[in-house]
PDB file of N, CA and C in Angstrom:
ATOM      1  N   UNK A   1      91.279 133.353   2.013  1.00  0.00           N
ATOM      2  CA  UNK A   1      90.935 132.648   3.221  1.00  0.00           C
ATOM      3  C   UNK A   1      89.508 133.030   3.616  1.00  0.00           C
ATOM      4  N   UNK A   2      88.703 132.026   3.896  1.00  0.00           N
ATOM      5  CA  UNK A   2      87.342 132.244   4.382  1.00  0.00           C
ATOM      6  C   UNK A   2      87.389 132.369   5.896  1.00  0.00           C
ATOM      7  N   UNK A   3      86.396 133.062   6.469  1.00  0.00           N
ATOM      8  CA  UNK A   3      86.364 133.165   7.925  1.00  0.00           C
ATOM      9  C   UNK A   3      84.928 133.134   8.428  1.00  0.00           C
ATOM     10  N   UNK A   4      84.782 132.658   9.662  1.00  0.00           N
ATOM     11  CA  UNK A   4      83.496 132.624  10.350  1.00  0.00           C
ATOM     12  C   UNK A   4      83.670 133.485  11.591  1.00  0.00           C
ATOM     13  N   UNK A   5      82.935 134.598  11.668  1.00  0.00           N
ATOM     14  CA  UNK A   5      83.103 135.591  12.721  1.00  0.00           C
ATOM     15  C   UNK A   5      82.549 135.171  14.060  1.00  0.00           C
ATOM     16  N   UNK A   6      82.942 135.915  15.100  1.00  0.00           N
ATOM     17  CA  UNK A   6      82.607 135.526  16.468  1.00  0.00           C
ATOM     18  C   UNK A   6      81.132 135.690  16.823  1.00  0.00           C
ATOM     19  N   UNK A   7      80.369 136.407  16.055  1.00  0.00           N
ATOM     20  CA  UNK A   7      78.946 136.566  16.376  1.00  0.00           C
ATOM     21  C   UNK A   7      78.073 135.526  15.682  1.00  0.00           C
ATOM     22  N   UNK A   8      78.686 134.582  14.978  1.00  0.00           N
ATOM     23  CA  UNK A   8      77.945 133.624  14.174  1.00  0.00           C
ATOM     24  C   UNK A   8      77.933 132.238  14.810  1.00  0.00           C
ATOM     25  N   UNK A   9      76.773 131.589  14.816  1.00  0.00           N
ATOM     26  CA  UNK A   9      76.634 130.188  15.203  1.00  0.00           C
ATOM     27  C   UNK A   9      76.250 129.435  13.940  1.00  0.00           C
ATOM     28  N   UNK A  10      77.084 128.477  13.555  1.00  0.00           N
ATOM     29  CA  UNK A  10      76.868 127.739  12.326  1.00  0.00           C
ATOM     30  C   UNK A  10      76.794 126.256  12.638  1.00  0.00           C
ATOM     31  N   UNK A  11      75.674 125.617  12.257  1.00  0.00           N
ATOM     32  CA  UNK A  11      75.522 124.173  12.402  1.00  0.00           C
ATOM     33  C   UNK A  11      75.506 123.607  10.989  1.00  0.00           C
ATOM     34  N   UNK A  12      76.611 122.920  10.617  1.00  0.00           N
ATOM     35  CA  UNK A  12      76.735 122.506   9.218  1.00  0.00           C
ATOM     36  C   UNK A  12      77.847 121.490   9.040  1.00  0.00           C
ATOM     37  N   UNK A  13      77.828 120.903   7.856  1.00  0.00           N
ATOM     38  CA  UNK A  13      78.948 120.112   7.376  1.00  0.00           C
ATOM     39  C   UNK A  13      79.675 121.014   6.388  1.00  0.00           C
ATOM     40  N   UNK A  14      80.885 121.428   6.758  1.00  0.00           N
ATOM     41  CA  UNK A  14      81.635 122.382   5.952  1.00  0.00           C
ATOM     42  C   UNK A  14      82.710 121.647   5.174  1.00  0.00           C
ATOM     43  N   UNK A  15      82.736 121.871   3.872  1.00  0.00           N
ATOM     44  CA  UNK A  15      83.833 121.409   3.029  1.00  0.00           C
ATOM     45  C   UNK A  15      84.352 122.630   2.286  1.00  0.00           C
ATOM     46  N   UNK A  16      85.652 122.650   1.979  1.00  0.00           N
ATOM     47  CA  UNK A  16      86.178 123.829   1.322  1.00  0.00           C
ATOM     48  C   UNK A  16      87.454 123.563   0.565  1.00  0.00           C
ATOM     49  N   UNK A  17      87.755 124.505  -0.333  1.00  0.00           N
ATOM     50  CA  UNK A  17      88.965 124.456  -1.142  1.00  0.00           C
ATOM     51  C   UNK A  17      89.868 125.646  -0.851  1.00  0.00           C
ATOM     52  N   UNK A  18      89.806 126.154   0.380  1.00  0.00           N
ATOM     53  CA  UNK A  18      90.691 127.223   0.813  1.00  0.00           C
ATOM     54  C   UNK A  18      90.840 127.140   2.321  1.00  0.00           C
ATOM     55  N   UNK A  19      91.795 127.886   2.871  1.00  0.00           N
ATOM     56  CA  UNK A  19      91.995 127.917   4.314  1.00  0.00           C
ATOM     57  C   UNK A  19      90.768 128.517   4.986  1.00  0.00           C
ATOM     58  N   UNK A  20      90.530 128.102   6.242  1.00  0.00           N
ATOM     59  CA  UNK A  20      89.368 128.579   6.984  1.00  0.00           C
ATOM     60  C   UNK A  20      89.798 129.043   8.369  1.00  0.00           C
ATOM     61  N   UNK A  21      89.304 130.230   8.762  1.00  0.00           N
ATOM     62  CA  UNK A  21      89.538 130.795  10.093  1.00  0.00           C
ATOM     63  C   UNK A  21      88.186 130.891  10.788  1.00  0.00           C
ATOM     64  N   UNK A  22      88.059 130.240  11.956  1.00  0.00           N
ATOM     65  CA  UNK A  22      86.799 130.228  12.701  1.00  0.00           C
ATOM     66  C   UNK A  22      86.992 131.008  13.997  1.00  0.00           C
ATOM     67  N   UNK A  23      86.238 132.094  14.163  1.00  0.00           N
ATOM     68  CA  UNK A  23      86.283 132.867  15.386  1.00  0.00           C
ATOM     69  C   UNK A  23      84.884 132.943  16.002  1.00  0.00           C
ATOM     70  N   UNK A  24      83.995 132.062  15.548  1.00  0.00           N
ATOM     71  CA  UNK A  24      82.635 131.964  16.059  1.00  0.00           C
ATOM     72  C   UNK A  24      82.386 130.550  16.537  1.00  0.00           C
ATOM     73  N   UNK A  25      81.131 130.120  16.492  1.00  0.00           N
ATOM     74  CA  UNK A  25      80.766 128.779  16.956  1.00  0.00           C
ATOM     75  C   UNK A  25      80.336 127.929  15.776  1.00  0.00           C
ATOM     76  N   UNK A  26      80.923 126.741  15.671  1.00  0.00           N
ATOM     77  CA  UNK A  26      80.583 125.796  14.610  1.00  0.00           C
ATOM     78  C   UNK A  26      80.296 124.443  15.241  1.00  0.00           C
ATOM     79  N   UNK A  27      79.160 123.853  14.873  1.00  0.00           N
ATOM     80  CA  UNK A  27      78.799 122.500  15.275  1.00  0.00           C
ATOM     81  C   UNK A  27      78.578 121.697  14.002  1.00  0.00           C
ATOM     82  N   UNK A  28      79.198 120.522  13.897  1.00  0.00           N
ATOM     83  CA  UNK A  28      79.016 119.685  12.703  1.00  0.00           C
ATOM     84  C   UNK A  28      80.301 118.987  12.331  1.00  0.00           C
ATOM     85  N   UNK A  29      80.753 119.205  11.085  1.00  0.00           N
ATOM     86  CA  UNK A  29      82.018 118.636  10.622  1.00  0.00           C
ATOM     87  C   UNK A  29      82.676 119.620   9.663  1.00  0.00           C
ATOM     88  N   UNK A  30      84.022 119.548   9.608  1.00  0.00           N
ATOM     89  CA  UNK A  30      84.788 120.428   8.725  1.00  0.00           C
ATOM     90  C   UNK A  30      85.778 119.579   7.955  1.00  0.00           C
ATOM     91  N   UNK A  31      85.725 119.669   6.620  1.00  0.00           N
ATOM     92  CA  UNK A  31      86.633 118.919   5.759  1.00  0.00           C
ATOM     93  C   UNK A  31      87.310 119.879   4.788  1.00  0.00           C
ATOM     94  N   UNK A  32      88.622 120.045   4.992  1.00  0.00           N
ATOM     95  CA  UNK A  32      89.437 120.943   4.169  1.00  0.00           C
ATOM     96  C   UNK A  32      90.660 120.174   3.682  1.00  0.00           C
ATOM     97  N   UNK A  33      90.469 119.152   2.914  1.00  0.00           N
ATOM     98  CA  UNK A  33      91.500 118.176   2.545  1.00  0.00           C
ATOM     99  C   UNK A  33      92.925 118.730   2.458  1.00  0.00           C
ATOM    100  N   UNK A  34      93.191 119.682   1.593  1.00  0.00           N
ATOM    101  CA  UNK A  34      94.554 120.178   1.382  1.00  0.00           C
ATOM    102  C   UNK A  34      94.742 121.594   1.897  1.00  0.00           C
ATOM    103  N   UNK A  35      93.953 121.970   2.900  1.00  0.00           N
ATOM    104  CA  UNK A  35      93.998 123.340   3.385  1.00  0.00           C
ATOM    105  C   UNK A  35      94.066 123.377   4.902  1.00  0.00           C
ATOM    106  N   UNK A  36      94.187 124.586   5.451  1.00  0.00           N
ATOM    107  CA  UNK A  36      94.419 124.778   6.876  1.00  0.00           C
ATOM    108  C   UNK A  36      93.171 125.282   7.588  1.00  0.00           C
ATOM    109  N   UNK A  37      93.023 124.851   8.837  1.00  0.00           N
ATOM    110  CA  UNK A  37      91.959 125.340   9.706  1.00  0.00           C
ATOM    111  C   UNK A  37      92.596 126.002  10.918  1.00  0.00           C
ATOM    112  N   UNK A  38      92.144 127.223  11.215  1.00  0.00           N
ATOM    113  CA  UNK A  38      92.554 127.910  12.438  1.00  0.00           C
ATOM    114  C   UNK A  38      91.305 128.190  13.256  1.00  0.00           C
ATOM    115  N   UNK A  39      91.309 127.732  14.509  1.00  0.00           N
ATOM    116  CA  UNK A  39      90.235 128.048  15.446  1.00  0.00           C
ATOM    117  C   UNK A  39      90.752 129.219  16.261  1.00  0.00           C
ATOM    118  N   UNK A  40      90.197 130.421  16.010  1.00  0.00           N
ATOM    119  CA  UNK A  40      90.646 131.635  16.675  1.00  0.00           C
ATOM    120  C   UNK A  40      90.355 131.631  18.162  1.00  0.00           C
ATOM    121  N   UNK A  41      90.886 132.622  18.843  1.00  0.00           N
ATOM    122  CA  UNK A  41      90.784 132.688  20.301  1.00  0.00           C
ATOM    123  C   UNK A  41      89.331 132.726  20.779  1.00  0.00           C
ATOM    124  N   UNK A  42      88.412 133.270  19.971  1.00  0.00           N
ATOM    125  CA  UNK A  42      86.987 133.292  20.319  1.00  0.00           C
ATOM    126  C   UNK A  42      86.229 132.103  19.732  1.00  0.00           C
ATOM    127  N   UNK A  43      86.921 131.237  19.019  1.00  0.00           N
ATOM    128  CA  UNK A  43      86.294 130.102  18.348  1.00  0.00           C
ATOM    129  C   UNK A  43      85.849 129.024  19.316  1.00  0.00           C
ATOM    130  N   UNK A  44      84.678 128.471  19.046  1.00  0.00           N
ATOM    131  CA  UNK A  44      84.112 127.357  19.813  1.00  0.00           C
ATOM    132  C   UNK A  44      83.620 126.341  18.792  1.00  0.00           C
ATOM    133  N   UNK A  45      84.422 125.316  18.544  1.00  0.00           N
ATOM    134  CA  UNK A  45      84.111 124.341  17.494  1.00  0.00           C
ATOM    135  C   UNK A  45      83.836 122.992  18.127  1.00  0.00           C
ATOM    136  N   UNK A  46      82.704 122.401  17.747  1.00  0.00           N
ATOM    137  CA  UNK A  46      82.355 121.054  18.147  1.00  0.00           C
ATOM    138  C   UNK A  46      82.138 120.271  16.859  1.00  0.00           C
ATOM    139  N   UNK A  47      83.212 119.641  16.363  1.00  0.00           N
ATOM    140  CA  UNK A  47      83.154 119.009  15.042  1.00  0.00           C
ATOM    141  C   UNK A  47      84.321 118.049  14.871  1.00  0.00           C
ATOM    142  N   UNK A  48      84.134 117.062  14.019  1.00  0.00           N
ATOM    143  CA  UNK A  48      85.243 116.248  13.567  1.00  0.00           C
ATOM    144  C   UNK A  48      85.889 116.987  12.405  1.00  0.00           C
ATOM    145  N   UNK A  49      87.238 117.002  12.392  1.00  0.00           N
ATOM    146  CA  UNK A  49      87.999 117.825  11.468  1.00  0.00           C
ATOM    147  C   UNK A  49      88.885 116.955  10.594  1.00  0.00           C
ATOM    148  N   UNK A  50      88.944 117.311   9.303  1.00  0.00           N
ATOM    149  CA  UNK A  50      89.911 116.723   8.381  1.00  0.00           C
ATOM    150  C   UNK A  50      90.525 117.884   7.605  1.00  0.00           C
ATOM    151  N   UNK A  51      91.855 118.087   7.777  1.00  0.00           N
ATOM    152  CA  UNK A  51      92.535 119.208   7.126  1.00  0.00           C
ATOM    153  C   UNK A  51      94.027 118.886   7.001  1.00  0.00           C
ATOM    154  N   UNK A  52      94.749 119.767   6.299  1.00  0.00           N
ATOM    155  CA  UNK A  52      96.203 119.587   6.199  1.00  0.00           C
ATOM    156  C   UNK A  52      96.867 119.978   7.519  1.00  0.00           C
ATOM    157  N   UNK A  53      96.574 121.200   8.006  1.00  0.00           N
ATOM    158  CA  UNK A  53      97.098 121.700   9.280  1.00  0.00           C
ATOM    159  C   UNK A  53      95.948 122.247  10.093  1.00  0.00           C
ATOM    160  N   UNK A  54      96.011 122.077  11.421  1.00  0.00           N
ATOM    161  CA  UNK A  54      94.990 122.607  12.316  1.00  0.00           C
ATOM    162  C   UNK A  54      95.701 123.362  13.435  1.00  0.00           C
ATOM    163  N   UNK A  55      95.300 124.620  13.646  1.00  0.00           N
ATOM    164  CA  UNK A  55      95.843 125.445  14.716  1.00  0.00           C
ATOM    165  C   UNK A  55      94.686 125.818  15.643  1.00  0.00           C
ATOM    166  N   UNK A  56      94.835 125.534  16.940  1.00  0.00           N
ATOM    167  CA  UNK A  56      93.760 125.770  17.905  1.00  0.00           C
ATOM    168  C   UNK A  56      94.202 126.842  18.907  1.00  0.00           C
ATOM    169  N   UNK A  57      93.523 127.988  18.839  1.00  0.00           N
ATOM    170  CA  UNK A  57      93.755 129.070  19.794  1.00  0.00           C
ATOM    171  C   UNK A  57      92.562 129.205  20.741  1.00  0.00           C
ATOM    172  N   UNK A  58      91.402 128.698  20.336  1.00  0.00           N
ATOM    173  CA  UNK A  58      90.176 128.722  21.132  1.00  0.00           C
ATOM    174  C   UNK A  58      89.850 127.324  21.621  1.00  0.00           C
ATOM    175  N   UNK A  59      88.569 126.915  21.520  1.00  0.00           N
ATOM    176  CA  UNK A  59      88.134 125.599  22.005  1.00  0.00           C
ATOM    177  C   UNK A  59      87.667 124.708  20.865  1.00  0.00           C
ATOM    178  N   UNK A  60      88.180 123.500  20.843  1.00  0.00           N
ATOM    179  CA  UNK A  60      87.806 122.511  19.834  1.00  0.00           C
ATOM    180  C   UNK A  60      87.490 121.201  20.533  1.00  0.00           C
ATOM    181  N   UNK A  61      86.299 120.672  20.271  1.00  0.00           N
ATOM    182  CA  UNK A  61      85.897 119.360  20.764  1.00  0.00           C
ATOM    183  C   UNK A  61      85.568 118.505  19.560  1.00  0.00           C
ATOM    184  N   UNK A  62      86.297 117.413  19.397  1.00  0.00           N
ATOM    185  CA  UNK A  62      86.074 116.515  18.263  1.00  0.00           C
ATOM    186  C   UNK A  62      87.375 115.869  17.842  1.00  0.00           C
ATOM    187  N   UNK A  63      87.279 114.858  17.023  1.00  0.00           N
ATOM    188  CA  UNK A  63      88.456 114.154  16.525  1.00  0.00           C
ATOM    189  C   UNK A  63      89.050 114.922  15.353  1.00  0.00           C
ATOM    190  N   UNK A  64      90.389 114.920  15.290  1.00  0.00           N
ATOM    191  CA  UNK A  64      91.103 115.686  14.270  1.00  0.00           C
ATOM    192  C   UNK A  64      91.998 114.757  13.468  1.00  0.00           C
ATOM    193  N   UNK A  65      91.862 114.848  12.138  1.00  0.00           N
ATOM    194  CA  UNK A  65      92.770 114.150  11.236  1.00  0.00           C
ATOM    195  C   UNK A  65      93.472 115.224  10.404  1.00  0.00           C
ATOM    196  N   UNK A  66      94.772 115.434  10.677  1.00  0.00           N
ATOM    197  CA  UNK A  66      95.557 116.444   9.977  1.00  0.00           C
ATOM    198  C   UNK A  66      96.740 115.757   9.298  1.00  0.00           C
ATOM    199  N   UNK A  67      96.842 115.905   7.998  1.00  0.00           N
ATOM    200  CA  UNK A  67      97.898 115.200   7.272  1.00  0.00           C
ATOM    201  C   UNK A  67      99.291 115.697   7.633  1.00  0.00           C
ATOM    202  N   UNK A  68      99.423 116.978   8.024  1.00  0.00           N
ATOM    203  CA  UNK A  68     100.743 117.502   8.360  1.00  0.00           C
ATOM    204  C   UNK A  68     100.921 117.767   9.851  1.00  0.00           C
ATOM    205  N   UNK A  69     100.145 118.715  10.443  1.00  0.00           N
ATOM    206  CA  UNK A  69     100.434 119.110  11.823  1.00  0.00           C
ATOM    207  C   UNK A  69      99.209 119.650  12.541  1.00  0.00           C
ATOM    208  N   UNK A  70      99.170 119.417  13.860  1.00  0.00           N
ATOM    209  CA  UNK A  70      98.189 120.027  14.766  1.00  0.00           C
ATOM    210  C   UNK A  70      98.971 120.857  15.768  1.00  0.00           C
ATOM    211  N   UNK A  71      98.564 122.120  15.931  1.00  0.00           N
ATOM    212  CA  UNK A  71      99.168 123.023  16.911  1.00  0.00           C
ATOM    213  C   UNK A  71      98.105 123.446  17.902  1.00  0.00           C
ATOM    214  N   UNK A  72      98.383 123.285  19.193  1.00  0.00           N
ATOM    215  CA  UNK A  72      97.484 123.778  20.231  1.00  0.00           C
ATOM    216  C   UNK A  72      98.234 124.891  20.951  1.00  0.00           C
ATOM    217  N   UNK A  73      97.765 126.112  20.752  1.00  0.00           N
ATOM    218  CA  UNK A  73      98.425 127.278  21.339  1.00  0.00           C
ATOM    219  C   UNK A  73      98.086 127.379  22.818  1.00  0.00           C
ATOM    220  N   UNK A  74      98.801 128.228  23.551  1.00  0.00           N
ATOM    221  CA  UNK A  74      98.639 128.324  25.008  1.00  0.00           C
ATOM    222  C   UNK A  74      97.230 128.719  25.416  1.00  0.00           C
ATOM    223  N   UNK A  75      96.496 129.420  24.554  1.00  0.00           N
ATOM    224  CA  UNK A  75      95.105 129.791  24.852  1.00  0.00           C
ATOM    225  C   UNK A  75      94.124 128.715  24.408  1.00  0.00           C
ATOM    226  N   UNK A  76      94.631 127.663  23.767  1.00  0.00           N
ATOM    227  CA  UNK A  76      93.777 126.654  23.150  1.00  0.00           C
ATOM    228  C   UNK A  76      93.402 125.505  24.056  1.00  0.00           C
ATOM    229  N   UNK A  77      92.282 124.873  23.685  1.00  0.00           N
ATOM    230  CA  UNK A  77      91.776 123.703  24.382  1.00  0.00           C
ATOM    231  C   UNK A  77      91.275 122.725  23.337  1.00  0.00           C
ATOM    232  N   UNK A  78      91.768 121.487  23.378  1.00  0.00           N
ATOM    233  CA  UNK A  78      91.334 120.467  22.423  1.00  0.00           C
ATOM    234  C   UNK A  78      90.980 119.199  23.178  1.00  0.00           C
ATOM    235  N   UNK A  79      89.749 118.729  22.983  1.00  0.00           N
ATOM    236  CA  UNK A  79      89.308 117.467  23.560  1.00  0.00           C
ATOM    237  C   UNK A  79      88.911 116.562  22.407  1.00  0.00           C
ATOM    238  N   UNK A  80      89.709 115.525  22.170  1.00  0.00           N
ATOM    239  CA  UNK A  80      89.427 114.595  21.089  1.00  0.00           C
ATOM    240  C   UNK A  80      90.695 113.867  20.696  1.00  0.00           C
ATOM    241  N   UNK A  81      90.557 112.901  19.832  1.00  0.00           N
ATOM    242  CA  UNK A  81      91.684 112.102  19.382  1.00  0.00           C
ATOM    243  C   UNK A  81      92.307 112.717  18.137  1.00  0.00           C
ATOM    244  N   UNK A  82      93.648 112.679  18.076  1.00  0.00           N
ATOM    245  CA  UNK A  82      94.398 113.246  16.956  1.00  0.00           C
ATOM    246  C   UNK A  82      95.049 112.151  16.141  1.00  0.00           C
ATOM    247  N   UNK A  83      94.957 112.257  14.824  1.00  0.00           N
ATOM    248  CA  UNK A  83      95.746 111.467  13.894  1.00  0.00           C
ATOM    249  C   UNK A  83      96.436 112.491  13.007  1.00  0.00           C
ATOM    250  N   UNK A  84      97.770 112.553  13.089  1.00  0.00           N
ATOM    251  CA  UNK A  84      98.487 113.637  12.429  1.00  0.00           C
ATOM    252  C   UNK A  84      99.937 113.250  12.167  1.00  0.00           C
ATOM    253  N   UNK A  85     100.593 114.027  11.321  1.00  0.00           N
ATOM    254  CA  UNK A  85     102.010 113.826  11.054  1.00  0.00           C
ATOM    255  C   UNK A  85     102.888 114.418  12.140  1.00  0.00           C
ATOM    256  N   UNK A  86     102.387 115.416  12.867  1.00  0.00           N
ATOM    257  CA  UNK A  86     103.149 116.060  13.937  1.00  0.00           C
ATOM    258  C   UNK A  86     102.224 116.863  14.821  1.00  0.00           C
ATOM    259  N   UNK A  87     102.682 117.133  16.042  1.00  0.00           N
ATOM    260  CA  UNK A  87     101.847 117.876  16.986  1.00  0.00           C
ATOM    261  C   UNK A  87     102.721 118.789  17.840  1.00  0.00           C
ATOM    262  N   UNK A  88     102.204 119.998  18.112  1.00  0.00           N
ATOM    263  CA  UNK A  88     102.845 120.947  19.018  1.00  0.00           C
ATOM    264  C   UNK A  88     101.801 121.372  20.043  1.00  0.00           C
ATOM    265  N   UNK A  89     102.154 121.242  21.327  1.00  0.00           N
ATOM    266  CA  UNK A  89     101.268 121.675  22.405  1.00  0.00           C
ATOM    267  C   UNK A  89     102.055 122.662  23.255  1.00  0.00           C
ATOM    268  N   UNK A  90     101.644 123.938  23.209  1.00  0.00           N
ATOM    269  CA  UNK A  90     102.345 124.969  23.966  1.00  0.00           C
ATOM    270  C   UNK A  90     102.038 124.853  25.462  1.00  0.00           C
ATOM    271  N   UNK A  91     102.962 125.351  26.295  1.00  0.00           N
ATOM    272  CA  UNK A  91     102.733 125.419  27.737  1.00  0.00           C
ATOM    273  C   UNK A  91     101.470 126.223  28.001  1.00  0.00           C
ATOM    274  N   UNK A  92     100.597 125.708  28.857  1.00  0.00           N
ATOM    275  CA  UNK A  92      99.355 126.384  29.193  1.00  0.00           C
ATOM    276  C   UNK A  92      98.166 125.895  28.393  1.00  0.00           C
ATOM    277  N   UNK A  93      98.409 125.178  27.299  1.00  0.00           N
ATOM    278  CA  UNK A  93      97.321 124.631  26.481  1.00  0.00           C
ATOM    279  C   UNK A  93      96.688 123.449  27.201  1.00  0.00           C
ATOM    280  N   UNK A  94      95.423 123.154  26.840  1.00  0.00           N
ATOM    281  CA  UNK A  94      94.721 122.005  27.407  1.00  0.00           C
ATOM    282  C   UNK A  94      94.487 120.986  26.297  1.00  0.00           C
ATOM    283  N   UNK A  95      94.815 119.721  26.589  1.00  0.00           N
ATOM    284  CA  UNK A  95      94.562 118.636  25.646  1.00  0.00           C
ATOM    285  C   UNK A  95      94.106 117.409  26.401  1.00  0.00           C
ATOM    286  N   UNK A  96      93.023 116.794  25.925  1.00  0.00           N
ATOM    287  CA  UNK A  96      92.555 115.526  26.486  1.00  0.00           C
ATOM    288  C   UNK A  96      92.173 114.640  25.317  1.00  0.00           C
ATOM    289  N   UNK A  97      92.865 113.521  25.171  1.00  0.00           N
ATOM    290  CA  UNK A  97      92.597 112.594  24.082  1.00  0.00           C
ATOM    291  C   UNK A  97      93.827 111.758  23.787  1.00  0.00           C
ATOM    292  N   UNK A  98      93.829 111.130  22.641  1.00  0.00           N
ATOM    293  CA  UNK A  98      94.971 110.314  22.244  1.00  0.00           C
ATOM    294  C   UNK A  98      95.618 110.915  21.000  1.00  0.00           C
ATOM    295  N   UNK A  99      96.879 110.567  20.784  1.00  0.00           N
ATOM    296  CA  UNK A  99      97.624 111.055  19.629  1.00  0.00           C
ATOM    297  C   UNK A  99      98.182 109.864  18.873  1.00  0.00           C
ATOM    298  N   UNK A 100      97.899 109.805  17.573  1.00  0.00           N
ATOM    299  CA  UNK A 100      98.449 108.799  16.696  1.00  0.00           C
ATOM    300  C   UNK A 100      99.256 109.526  15.635  1.00  0.00           C
ATOM    301  N   UNK A 101     100.604 109.368  15.685  1.00  0.00           N
ATOM    302  CA  UNK A 101     101.461 110.008  14.700  1.00  0.00           C
ATOM    303  C   UNK A 101     101.502 109.118  13.468  1.00  0.00           C
ATOM    304  N   UNK A 102     100.978 109.649  12.360  1.00  0.00           N
ATOM    305  CA  UNK A 102     100.892 108.894  11.106  1.00  0.00           C
ATOM    306  C   UNK A 102     102.043 109.292  10.198  1.00  0.00           C
ATOM    307  N   UNK A 103     102.881 108.369   9.874  1.00  0.00           N
ATOM    308  CA  UNK A 103     104.006 108.615   8.966  1.00  0.00           C
ATOM    309  C   UNK A 103     103.536 108.459   7.534  1.00  0.00           C
ATOM    310  N   UNK A 104     104.076 109.300   6.654  1.00  0.00           N
ATOM    311  CA  UNK A 104     103.716 109.219   5.232  1.00  0.00           C
ATOM    312  C   UNK A 104     104.402 108.053   4.587  1.00  0.00           C
TER     313      UNK A 104
END
């Protein structure tokens, strides 16, 4: 698993062939076709996302396309539109956007 630490600001288009954990700041886009993205509690992501699963514990602004599931934990904040197979929003989480459940 690759990770981006909390002291790092990265402006990029990220593509990868492994899971990614972001606990820093990322601006751009993230494409992890068959892998998972976790935005850690210190994570601040402003990007459009394409991944298998997305878990948000920090802040994410951007549209998300997840083939399996999006999870927004109680510490998480997501502003953007979701296209996904399933979604979990814990009590206390913040979400603003639309949800499109895509069946396989």
